[in-house]
Structures are given as C-alpha cells and as structure tokens.
Amino acid sequence: MEALALSIGRHFHLKSPLCSSNFFPMTSTSPIVKNTSHAAHLVKKAGFLSLPGELRSYVLSFLLCRDLLRCASVCKALRLTYISSSQLQYIVELSGQQLLHVPNTDDHTATSERLRLLRDRAHAWFKFDLHSFKTIFFPTEMCDERKAVIDGHFSLWDKNTDLAWIIPIVPKRSQRTFAREWSPGTLSPMRYSDGVFMDPTQNLIAVVYFVYDETAYIDLRALDGDSVHPQAAGPKLILLGPPGYDETRFATTRTELKGFGRHIALRRSLLVSRVETWASEMWQLQIWDWQHSTTSNSVLSDTTRLGDFCFLGSNRLLVVTIDLKIYSIEDISQTPQLLACFQSPERWLVKQCLLPMDDTERRNANANANANAEQKIDVHLGP
C-alpha cells in the first residue's frame, strides 16, 4: 500500500493519499469526534479499497506501468482489480511492447478487443516456422528493384525494363492465385511506366505514367485481365502538378505507389525552380479513395526530405521524415488531419518504412469497404 500511496500522491499532489482527511476534510466548525472506535470505523470506510471497483480502476489508470505492477504485487485486492480491468492490462501490455497510445476518437473498438489483438500479435512470433520457406529465382539485375509480398504472392517491377510479374508463393487452399508477366511496353500507354502496385486480395494492378506535360495518371485494371477494374470509380486517377507552379517550373524525379484497401497513395519527388533562384526539392503525397472517386483533395507536401510512408490500417497514414507523423485519412475530400508527431532522439532519416499489414487486416479492410458500399446501395434503393 505504500507504493500506491506514493504513486497516487505524485499524480494527485496529496500530502497523504490514503488519509481520511482527504476524503472528509476537518474545518473549524466540524465537531470533534471523541469516540475513537467510531473514528477508526470512519477511517476504514474512507479507505481507497472501499471505493467501487470501477473507481479504483480509474484511479490506478493514471499510474505508470511500473507503479501499477507494484501495487498489484503487494495487495491482493488491487491485484483482483488489475485482473478484472481490461484497461489496466492494456496499459501494461502497451508498455511491455514499448508502444505508445495514440488517442483516436473515431475508433470505437472495445478495450478488451484491443488487448486481445496486442497479445495475439506478440504471441504470433512463437508460431513462426523457421524451416518453412520457398526459394524464388529471378534475374540478378532486378535484385534492387521494387518487390512486395502480399497475400501469398510475390510481385516485382523493374523500372529500367518496364518488366512486371506476379507469382503465388504461399497461397492458402481456398485462395485465388495469380501468375502473370507483363512484357516491356504493355503496362501503360506511354513507353515506360513510373510505378506499379499489385494487390491480389482485390484483383488490382495500378500503374503510374506521365504524359509530356508532367500530368500523372494512374490506371486501375484487373490482375486477371487488361480491363478496367470493376470496382474502380473510373479507368484512371488524375494527379496534377503542385499548386503555385506551372508545368515549366517543376520536374518529377521519383515516384512511389502504395495502396491498402480502398486507398491508393502516390508519393512524388519534385525538382522545383523559381525565378532567379536555384532549383529546390520538395515532395507531394496524394491519397485517393479509388473505389469512389477519381479525384482527391487529400494532399500533403513539404520541402523536408521524405523518407517513406505507409498505411496504418484503413484510415491512418504514417509519414516518415525527420519526425514520425500519423495522419487521419478518413475524409479524402480534405487535407489529412495530423493526429500525432513523434520526434526521434536521433535526428536521422528513416529510409524505409517496414510495417506490413497482415492478411487478416487487409481482408477486414476490404470486407468493411464492401459492406459500407452495400449499405449505401440499400439506403439509396430504399423507400
């Protein structure tokens, strides 16, 4: 109980957290209690352990993980409070996995479910089979090109030759598989493409290419054919140049295309020249809801060097520069909303963001998107 007293005292600035005077302060007009047994009874009734379990759990949630575990280890009643509270266990689990809690008012997932997901992911490493693997052979000149493993498939695209292919490696029994190869010059209407993204879970291949006036297009096609994807809002997504610059003042130096569920994002590195000044670098990142619109106002841009970016589920985006920033991309009609910014203790730039989403989350994101689409149709057709 001493650990609890010291910890709560630090958080609530009480001289004696467990003293009854904090619950029943004495004043000059308060009657003096002469019955010592009755006074002892009041002190006992006013103790912290006499509070309802929900209130005890709420107070304990303000403690650091270390102090919380100390309290649970020295008092049986507090240990029972800890065991019966998903919130307290969630705090300890986050700290144990060295994770930070980011407030999200749009996420209504129960704390018990979040706790289960955290523990399942931590325990998943124990199921990893080091002896289960498959060897894939491909040309050595393509070793440094863009590769991805999604839903049991291995995809590769070489910018120099404009060669792309996808093959199944560890598909599930009931899963549909794809095995295709695109020869140079067949990915886009132009001679070469500038980016390729494949998603077997949605039978999608997205291809970026530029026309001569630096206007970018992203074709949305089906993996199993050359037709427009049946769930796409249109045959192509359109990206114009950065605002404030005409076509003669900037040039694209690098592109990268990524997607997750209903979202596709294009990162574009630019070399911008102004009148009577040296050329400078900037980046532009635009996100589309490709199943509902071919245009988007969800754009980020900056002159700080961009290391990488990746999706955190179906409605969050992680952008890695010198700092790590998390954005909400719920509403594609507006600029992404900054939710959190984490400063690195070392001012170095992360070159690659390795945070793959597992197949379960990807399928859930697609299922939720389809369910929302069906719900909208039902509402539209209803009386």
Protein backbone atom coordinates (compact mmCIF):
# COMPACT_ATOMS: atom_id res chain seq x y z
CA MET A 1 0.00 0.00 0.00
CA GLU A 2 2.98 2.30 0.46
CA ALA A 3 3.71 2.11 -3.28
CA LEU A 4 0.11 3.02 -4.03
CA ALA A 5 0.21 5.95 -1.62
CA LEU A 6 3.40 7.37 -3.10
CA SER A 7 2.22 6.87 -6.70
CA ILE A 8 -1.21 8.40 -6.23
CA GLY A 9 0.34 11.19 -4.23
CA ARG A 10 2.58 12.10 -7.15
CA HIS A 11 -0.33 12.20 -9.61
CA PHE A 12 -2.88 13.97 -7.42
CA HIS A 13 -0.50 16.05 -5.25
CA LEU A 14 -1.91 14.83 -1.94
CA LYS A 15 0.04 15.05 1.28
CA SER A 16 -1.30 11.71 2.44
CA PRO A 17 -3.32 9.95 -0.27
CA LEU A 18 -4.78 7.29 2.00
CA CYS A 19 -5.55 9.58 4.90
CA SER A 20 -9.23 10.01 5.71
CA SER A 21 -8.83 13.79 5.92
CA ASN A 22 -8.51 13.89 2.15
CA PHE A 23 -11.98 12.43 1.87
CA PHE A 24 -13.51 14.19 4.91
CA PRO A 25 -11.56 17.45 5.50
CA MET A 26 -11.82 18.91 9.01
CA THR A 27 -12.87 22.52 9.43
CA SER A 28 -13.06 24.81 12.41
CA THR A 29 -16.80 24.17 12.68
CA SER A 30 -16.51 20.40 12.43
CA PRO A 31 -17.47 18.53 15.60
CA ILE A 32 -14.66 16.75 17.42
CA VAL A 33 -15.10 13.01 17.36
CA LYS A 34 -14.42 11.66 20.83
CA ASN A 35 -15.36 8.05 20.17
CA THR A 36 -12.06 6.56 18.98
CA SER A 37 -13.68 3.33 17.78
CA HIS A 38 -16.15 5.30 15.69
CA ALA A 39 -13.29 7.43 14.29
CA ALA A 40 -11.38 4.29 13.35
CA HIS A 41 -14.50 2.98 11.63
CA LEU A 42 -14.74 6.20 9.57
CA VAL A 43 -11.08 5.91 8.56
CA LYS A 44 -11.62 2.33 7.44
CA LYS A 45 -14.75 3.23 5.47
CA ALA A 46 -12.94 6.14 3.80
CA GLY A 47 -10.02 3.96 2.64
CA PHE A 48 -9.08 3.55 -1.02
CA LEU A 49 -10.03 -0.13 -1.06
CA SER A 50 -13.59 0.72 -0.01
CA LEU A 51 -14.17 2.54 -3.31
CA PRO A 52 -16.14 0.78 -6.08
CA GLY A 53 -14.04 -1.34 -8.43
CA GLU A 54 -14.64 0.94 -11.44
CA LEU A 55 -13.41 3.96 -9.49
CA ARG A 56 -10.34 2.10 -8.21
CA SER A 57 -9.53 1.06 -11.77
CA TYR A 58 -9.92 4.64 -12.99
CA VAL A 59 -7.56 6.00 -10.33
CA LEU A 60 -4.98 3.28 -11.00
CA SER A 61 -5.05 4.04 -14.73
CA PHE A 62 -3.18 7.30 -14.01
CA LEU A 63 -0.18 5.39 -12.69
CA LEU A 64 2.88 4.43 -14.66
CA CYS A 65 3.14 0.80 -15.67
CA ARG A 66 5.89 0.16 -13.12
CA ASP A 67 3.87 1.63 -10.24
CA LEU A 68 0.75 -0.20 -11.35
CA LEU A 69 2.51 -3.56 -11.24
CA ARG A 70 3.97 -2.76 -7.83
CA CYS A 71 0.52 -2.04 -6.43
CA ALA A 72 -0.87 -5.28 -7.87
CA SER A 73 2.01 -7.26 -6.38
CA VAL A 74 1.70 -6.03 -2.78
CA CYS A 75 -2.08 -6.04 -2.33
CA LYS A 76 -4.48 -8.89 -3.07
CA ALA A 77 -7.46 -6.56 -3.54
CA LEU A 78 -5.56 -4.38 -6.02
CA ARG A 79 -4.39 -7.47 -7.86
CA LEU A 80 -8.01 -8.55 -8.29
CA THR A 81 -8.80 -5.04 -9.53
CA TYR A 82 -5.99 -5.32 -12.09
CA ILE A 83 -7.05 -8.78 -13.27
CA SER A 84 -10.67 -7.70 -13.74
CA SER A 85 -9.80 -4.50 -15.65
CA SER A 86 -9.02 -4.70 -19.38
CA GLN A 87 -7.97 -1.04 -19.31
CA LEU A 88 -5.22 -1.62 -16.72
CA GLN A 89 -3.97 -4.73 -18.53
CA TYR A 90 -3.98 -2.79 -21.81
CA ILE A 91 -1.76 -0.10 -20.25
CA VAL A 92 0.72 -2.72 -19.06
CA GLU A 93 0.69 -4.57 -22.40
CA LEU A 94 1.41 -1.37 -24.33
CA SER A 95 4.33 -0.57 -22.06
CA GLY A 96 5.66 -4.12 -22.26
CA GLN A 97 5.70 -3.99 -26.07
CA GLN A 98 7.21 -0.47 -25.98
CA LEU A 99 4.21 1.05 -27.76
CA LEU A 100 2.59 4.44 -27.29
CA HIS A 101 -1.14 5.00 -27.02
CA VAL A 102 -2.44 7.40 -29.68
CA PRO A 103 -5.90 8.78 -28.86
CA ASN A 104 -8.40 8.04 -31.61
CA THR A 105 -11.92 9.33 -31.11
CA ASP A 106 -13.11 7.63 -34.32
CA ASP A 107 -12.13 4.15 -33.16
CA HIS A 108 -14.85 2.58 -31.02
CA THR A 109 -13.15 -0.79 -30.60
CA ALA A 110 -13.59 -2.13 -27.09
CA THR A 111 -10.52 -2.09 -24.86
CA SER A 112 -10.81 -5.84 -24.32
CA GLU A 113 -10.60 -6.39 -28.09
CA ARG A 114 -7.55 -4.13 -28.39
CA LEU A 115 -5.90 -6.08 -25.59
CA ARG A 116 -6.60 -9.37 -27.37
CA LEU A 117 -5.11 -8.09 -30.64
CA LEU A 118 -1.97 -6.87 -28.87
CA ARG A 119 -1.43 -10.22 -27.20
CA ASP A 120 -2.20 -12.23 -30.33
CA ARG A 121 0.38 -10.32 -32.35
CA ALA A 122 3.01 -10.74 -29.66
CA HIS A 123 2.33 -14.49 -29.46
CA ALA A 124 2.31 -14.89 -33.25
CA TRP A 125 6.11 -14.96 -33.29
CA PHE A 126 6.05 -18.22 -31.34
CA LYS A 127 4.19 -19.82 -34.25
CA PHE A 128 6.78 -18.72 -36.81
CA ASP A 129 8.29 -21.73 -38.57
CA LEU A 130 11.94 -21.13 -39.46
CA HIS A 131 12.01 -24.30 -41.56
CA SER A 132 9.10 -23.30 -43.80
CA PHE A 133 10.34 -21.34 -46.82
CA LYS A 134 10.30 -21.21 -50.59
CA THR A 135 13.13 -20.19 -52.91
CA ILE A 136 12.35 -17.82 -55.77
CA PHE A 137 14.67 -17.22 -58.71
CA PHE A 138 14.66 -14.01 -60.73
CA PRO A 139 17.26 -12.09 -62.79
CA THR A 140 20.12 -10.64 -60.76
CA GLU A 141 19.77 -7.24 -62.45
CA MET A 142 16.34 -6.93 -60.81
CA CYS A 143 17.52 -7.55 -57.25
CA ASP A 144 17.42 -3.86 -56.34
CA GLU A 145 14.03 -3.17 -57.90
CA ARG A 146 10.70 -2.78 -56.11
CA LYS A 147 9.41 -6.02 -54.66
CA ALA A 148 6.46 -6.83 -52.44
CA VAL A 149 4.87 -9.85 -50.79
CA ILE A 150 1.09 -9.50 -50.46
CA ASP A 151 -1.47 -12.18 -49.65
CA GLY A 152 0.80 -15.10 -50.50
CA HIS A 153 2.06 -13.56 -53.78
CA PHE A 154 5.42 -12.15 -54.79
CA SER A 155 5.30 -9.14 -57.13
CA LEU A 156 8.17 -7.34 -58.82
CA TRP A 157 8.54 -4.38 -61.16
CA ASP A 158 11.72 -3.17 -62.88
CA LYS A 159 11.64 0.48 -63.93
CA ASN A 160 14.52 0.25 -66.41
CA THR A 161 13.00 -2.55 -68.50
CA ASP A 162 9.36 -1.89 -67.51
CA LEU A 163 9.00 -5.60 -66.77
CA ALA A 164 6.48 -6.71 -64.14
CA TRP A 165 5.32 -10.08 -62.89
CA ILE A 166 3.45 -11.71 -60.05
CA ILE A 167 3.54 -15.33 -58.87
CA PRO A 168 1.97 -17.23 -55.95
CA ILE A 169 4.40 -18.41 -53.26
CA VAL A 170 2.43 -19.44 -50.15
CA PRO A 171 -1.25 -19.17 -51.09
CA LYS A 172 -3.98 -20.61 -48.91
CA ARG A 173 -6.04 -23.52 -50.18
CA SER A 174 -9.22 -21.55 -50.77
CA GLN A 175 -7.37 -18.51 -52.11
CA ARG A 176 -7.41 -17.37 -55.71
CA THR A 177 -3.92 -17.20 -57.21
CA PHE A 178 -2.40 -15.06 -59.95
CA ALA A 179 0.58 -15.77 -62.21
CA ARG A 180 1.22 -13.16 -64.90
CA GLU A 181 4.09 -11.46 -66.66
CA TRP A 182 3.89 -8.10 -68.41
CA SER A 183 6.43 -7.54 -71.14
CA PRO A 184 8.04 -4.11 -71.61
CA GLY A 185 5.73 -1.51 -73.11
CA THR A 186 2.47 -3.24 -72.15
CA LEU A 187 1.88 -1.73 -68.71
CA SER A 188 0.93 1.80 -69.81
CA PRO A 189 0.03 3.75 -72.97
CA MET A 190 3.39 5.52 -72.73
CA ARG A 191 6.69 3.84 -73.49
CA TYR A 192 7.53 3.30 -69.82
CA SER A 193 5.55 3.31 -66.61
CA ASP A 194 6.65 5.16 -63.47
CA GLY A 195 5.20 2.96 -60.74
CA VAL A 196 3.29 -0.28 -60.24
CA PHE A 197 1.21 -1.55 -57.32
CA MET A 198 -0.42 -5.00 -57.20
CA ASP A 199 -2.98 -6.26 -54.69
CA PRO A 200 -4.11 -9.88 -55.22
CA THR A 201 -6.73 -9.58 -52.48
CA GLN A 202 -8.65 -7.13 -54.68
CA ASN A 203 -7.55 -8.39 -58.12
CA LEU A 204 -5.99 -4.95 -58.67
CA ILE A 205 -3.00 -3.63 -60.57
CA ALA A 206 -2.39 0.14 -60.55
CA VAL A 207 0.11 1.68 -62.99
CA VAL A 208 1.50 5.23 -62.88
CA TYR A 209 2.65 7.02 -66.03
CA PHE A 210 3.29 10.61 -67.11
CA VAL A 211 2.40 12.43 -70.28
CA TYR A 212 4.66 15.08 -71.73
CA ASP A 213 3.18 18.00 -69.77
CA GLU A 214 4.04 16.30 -66.43
CA THR A 215 0.43 15.28 -65.81
CA ALA A 216 0.31 11.95 -63.99
CA TYR A 217 -2.28 9.21 -64.48
CA ILE A 218 -2.88 6.02 -62.53
CA ASP A 219 -4.59 3.25 -64.49
CA LEU A 220 -6.77 0.89 -62.44
CA ARG A 221 -7.02 -2.56 -64.02
CA ALA A 222 -7.80 -6.12 -63.03
CA LEU A 223 -4.92 -8.50 -62.40
CA ASP A 224 -6.58 -11.33 -64.31
CA GLY A 225 -7.08 -9.23 -67.45
CA ASP A 226 -6.48 -5.87 -69.11
CA SER A 227 -9.94 -4.42 -68.48
CA VAL A 228 -10.78 -1.60 -66.06
CA HIS A 229 -11.21 -2.83 -62.51
CA PRO A 230 -14.94 -3.47 -61.93
CA GLN A 231 -14.95 -1.71 -58.53
CA ALA A 232 -12.98 1.36 -59.65
CA ALA A 233 -14.71 4.74 -59.78
CA GLY A 234 -13.16 5.28 -63.21
CA PRO A 235 -10.46 3.95 -65.53
CA LYS A 236 -7.75 6.23 -64.13
CA LEU A 237 -6.86 8.55 -61.27
CA ILE A 238 -5.58 12.03 -62.13
CA LEU A 239 -2.80 13.99 -60.42
CA LEU A 240 -1.84 17.49 -61.49
CA GLY A 241 1.26 19.41 -60.51
CA PRO A 242 1.77 21.08 -57.14
CA PRO A 243 -0.25 24.28 -56.60
CA GLY A 244 1.50 27.52 -57.42
CA TYR A 245 3.76 26.14 -60.15
CA ASP A 246 3.16 25.88 -63.88
CA GLU A 247 4.39 22.99 -65.99
CA THR A 248 7.69 24.67 -66.88
CA ARG A 249 8.85 25.11 -63.27
CA PHE A 250 8.97 21.58 -61.88
CA ALA A 251 10.02 18.10 -62.91
CA THR A 252 9.32 14.72 -61.33
CA THR A 253 12.44 12.90 -60.15
CA ARG A 254 10.89 9.91 -58.35
CA THR A 255 7.53 8.25 -57.77
CA GLU A 256 6.28 5.53 -55.44
CA LEU A 257 2.82 3.96 -55.40
CA LYS A 258 1.28 2.16 -52.43
CA GLY A 259 -2.19 1.00 -51.50
CA PHE A 260 -4.29 -0.55 -48.78
CA GLY A 261 -7.94 -1.46 -49.10
CA ARG A 262 -9.85 1.35 -50.78
CA HIS A 263 -6.92 3.79 -50.60
CA ILE A 264 -4.09 4.38 -53.06
CA ALA A 265 -1.30 6.88 -52.38
CA LEU A 266 1.27 8.32 -54.79
CA ARG A 267 4.46 9.85 -53.47
CA ARG A 268 6.14 12.21 -55.92
CA SER A 269 9.57 13.83 -55.51
CA LEU A 270 9.90 17.09 -57.42
CA LEU A 271 12.63 19.44 -58.52
CA VAL A 272 11.15 22.94 -58.44
CA SER A 273 12.74 26.05 -59.93
CA ARG A 274 11.69 29.61 -59.17
CA VAL A 275 12.56 32.79 -60.97
CA GLU A 276 16.14 33.96 -60.26
CA THR A 277 16.73 31.20 -57.68
CA TRP A 278 18.38 27.81 -57.64
CA ALA A 279 16.23 24.73 -58.05
CA SER A 280 14.95 23.16 -54.81
CA GLU A 281 13.48 19.80 -53.90
CA MET A 282 10.04 19.07 -52.49
CA TRP A 283 7.67 16.12 -52.25
CA GLN A 284 3.97 15.67 -52.79
CA LEU A 285 1.83 12.85 -51.42
CA GLN A 286 -1.74 12.40 -52.66
CA ILE A 287 -4.27 9.81 -51.43
CA TRP A 288 -7.34 8.59 -53.33
CA ASP A 289 -10.37 6.53 -52.44
CA TRP A 290 -10.12 4.73 -55.77
CA GLN A 291 -13.43 2.89 -55.39
CA HIS A 292 -15.48 6.07 -55.01
CA SER A 293 -13.69 8.95 -56.78
CA THR A 294 -11.02 9.57 -59.41
CA THR A 295 -10.06 12.92 -57.86
CA SER A 296 -8.82 13.83 -54.41
CA ASN A 297 -8.05 16.86 -52.26
CA SER A 298 -6.15 14.75 -49.73
CA VAL A 299 -2.65 16.07 -50.43
CA LEU A 300 0.46 16.56 -48.30
CA SER A 301 3.58 18.41 -49.44
CA ASP A 302 6.75 19.74 -47.87
CA THR A 303 10.34 20.67 -48.61
CA THR A 304 11.67 18.45 -45.81
CA ARG A 305 13.11 15.27 -47.22
CA LEU A 306 10.60 12.41 -47.17
CA GLY A 307 11.95 9.05 -46.04
CA ASP A 308 8.93 6.82 -46.56
CA PHE A 309 5.22 6.39 -45.87
CA CYS A 310 2.84 3.52 -45.20
CA PHE A 311 -0.78 2.84 -44.29
CA LEU A 312 -1.73 2.01 -40.70
CA GLY A 313 -4.93 0.12 -41.35
CA SER A 314 -7.73 1.55 -43.44
CA ASN A 315 -7.88 5.11 -42.07
CA ARG A 316 -4.40 6.11 -40.86
CA LEU A 317 -1.20 7.08 -42.67
CA LEU A 318 2.35 7.13 -41.28
CA VAL A 319 4.72 9.65 -42.89
CA VAL A 320 8.41 9.33 -42.02
CA THR A 321 10.65 12.36 -42.41
CA ILE A 322 12.98 13.54 -39.66
CA ASP A 323 9.95 13.02 -37.42
CA LEU A 324 7.25 10.37 -37.49
CA LYS A 325 3.78 11.78 -38.17
CA ILE A 326 0.44 9.97 -38.08
CA TYR A 327 -2.44 11.36 -40.14
CA SER A 328 -6.13 10.57 -40.38
CA ILE A 329 -7.32 9.90 -43.94
CA GLU A 330 -10.97 9.27 -43.12
CA ASP A 331 -12.12 12.15 -45.32
CA ILE A 332 -10.41 12.20 -48.72
CA SER A 333 -12.12 15.48 -49.64
CA GLN A 334 -9.77 17.41 -47.35
CA THR A 335 -6.13 17.56 -46.29
CA PRO A 336 -5.10 14.68 -43.99
CA GLN A 337 -5.51 15.58 -40.32
CA LEU A 338 -2.40 15.36 -38.16
CA LEU A 339 -3.06 13.14 -35.14
CA ALA A 340 0.38 12.73 -33.58
CA CYS A 341 4.01 13.66 -34.16
CA PHE A 342 6.91 11.74 -32.62
CA GLN A 343 10.37 13.25 -32.55
CA SER A 344 13.27 10.86 -32.85
CA PRO A 345 16.04 11.24 -30.24
CA GLU A 346 18.50 10.86 -33.11
CA ARG A 347 17.99 13.31 -35.95
CA TRP A 348 18.43 10.77 -38.71
CA LEU A 349 16.20 9.98 -41.65
CA VAL A 350 14.49 6.60 -41.88
CA LYS A 351 14.93 5.40 -45.45
CA GLN A 352 12.29 2.68 -45.48
CA CYS A 353 9.11 2.05 -43.53
CA LEU A 354 8.82 -1.68 -42.87
CA LEU A 355 5.36 -2.04 -41.40
CA PRO A 356 3.46 -4.65 -43.45
CA MET A 357 -0.19 -5.25 -42.70
CA ASP A 358 -1.16 -8.88 -42.25
CA ASP A 359 -3.68 -10.63 -44.47
CA THR A 360 -6.37 -10.55 -41.80
CA GLU A 361 -6.35 -6.75 -41.55
CA ARG A 362 -6.24 -6.39 -45.32
CA ARG A 363 -9.22 -8.70 -45.80
CA ASN A 364 -11.11 -6.99 -42.98
CA ALA A 365 -10.48 -3.60 -44.60
CA ASN A 366 -11.79 -4.88 -47.92
CA ALA A 367 -14.79 -6.54 -46.25
CA ASN A 368 -15.65 -3.34 -44.38
CA ALA A 369 -15.39 -1.32 -47.58
CA ASN A 370 -17.68 -3.74 -49.41
CA ALA A 371 -20.14 -3.77 -46.51
CA ASN A 372 -20.24 0.02 -46.47
CA ALA A 373 -20.82 0.07 -50.23
CA GLU A 374 -23.68 -2.43 -49.92
CA GLN A 375 -25.17 -0.44 -47.07
CA LYS A 376 -25.11 2.73 -49.15
CA ILE A 377 -26.82 0.92 -52.02
CA ASP A 378 -29.52 -0.40 -49.71
CA VAL A 379 -30.17 3.08 -48.36
CA HIS A 380 -30.25 4.54 -51.86
CA LEU A 381 -32.73 1.99 -53.15
CA GLY A 382 -34.92 2.00 -50.05
CA PRO A 383 -38.24 3.85 -49.83
